Amino acid sequence: MRFDFDDEQAEIKETAKQFLASRFKPEVVRELAEGDRYDDALWSEVSELGWPGIAIAEEHGGQGLGMVELAVLCEELGFACAPLPFLANAAAGILVEGAGSDAQKERYLPGIASGAGRGAIGDGSVVLDAEGAEVVVVLGDGGASVLPAGEASLESLDLIDQTRRYSRLASGDGDGLEGDVAAARDKVMVAVAAELVGIGQRAMDMAVEYAKEREQFGRPIGAYQGVSHACAKMLYDVEEARSLTYAAAWAADAEPESLPLAAAMAKARASEAAWDVCKSSIQVHGGIGFTWEHDLHFLLKRARADAQLFGTAGRQKERVAALSGLG
């Protein structure tokens, strides 16, 4: 089967790439990350584009598209390393729509879809982007719950990824989500995997560009096998992760019975690929790649944080083995 984007998906990708490139130049990402803040005006622009509700049904105020379209946006947001609360909002929407009651959907989804009443997502006690959110959806081993953000006791949490805001959920009792939490969680993992693909792509592009420009002994360093082989390995890692991720996104929309295995494979591979590619890109850049002044560390740190969310690569490999009858 040959997979490619249809015209609408291709247009979404191109629009997102151009918009994010113009709004999130490296100096803007650095300013926002080091300032420990988001730009509300940029979130308003994103909301006007309809991105927060891209995969939410029209009856709840969304665009009524699917996981492939959401994955397209997540990949481009990862490529830009955009300091935005998009992923947390999208994950909250996926869980409320996929596993919430009619009352919960009616109460929370319109705000999540419009971006005006953002959702935050908790993985255990760690919550992404709760500041400024209207609702917090918390995932745990035993299911998921949802509660108004004002009823959650949250403490600021400093993690290595400065491009997002993290909190610790100290206390707060929410209403349980009674629907298919497992399927919704798998969709969230696909969204995270797509972001990881974008991170890997950006780190690879930076390495290739540098290898073409940087010269030693009168030759571009990319002409040396040690560097060219490293770049080739980056391409392999990114493309394999991308293939698995979009296969999982397609499964979520068209073949949900195969989603658990596909999502576990995508999250495991994308987690490892993004981390490995970022490390290799730093090696290609040499000494400058290790400095605070270079932008690669923002990608590396987000890749590390994303890899821990909703099940590490090791945990997902265990799921793959179990679902395949090997574990």
Foldseek 3Di string as FASTA:
>chain_A
DDDDDDPVLVVLLVVLLVVLCVVQPPVNLVVCLVVLHADVVVLLVVLVVQLLQDCPCVVLPHVNDFLLSLLSNLLSCLLSLALDLRLQLNLVLLQCVAQNDPVSSNPQRNCSRSVNAGEWEAEQFKIWPLVPHQKYWYDDPVAIFIDGSVQWDWAWDDALQSSTTMIGGPDGDGHTRHGDRVLSLLSSLLSLLSSLLSLLVNLLVLLVVQQCPDDDPRHRNCVDPVSVVLSVVSVVLSVVLVVLSSVLRCCSVPPSVCNLLSSLVNLLSSLVSSLSSLVSSLVSVPPVSPDPPDSSSNSNRVSNVSCPGSAHSVRSVVSNCVVVVND
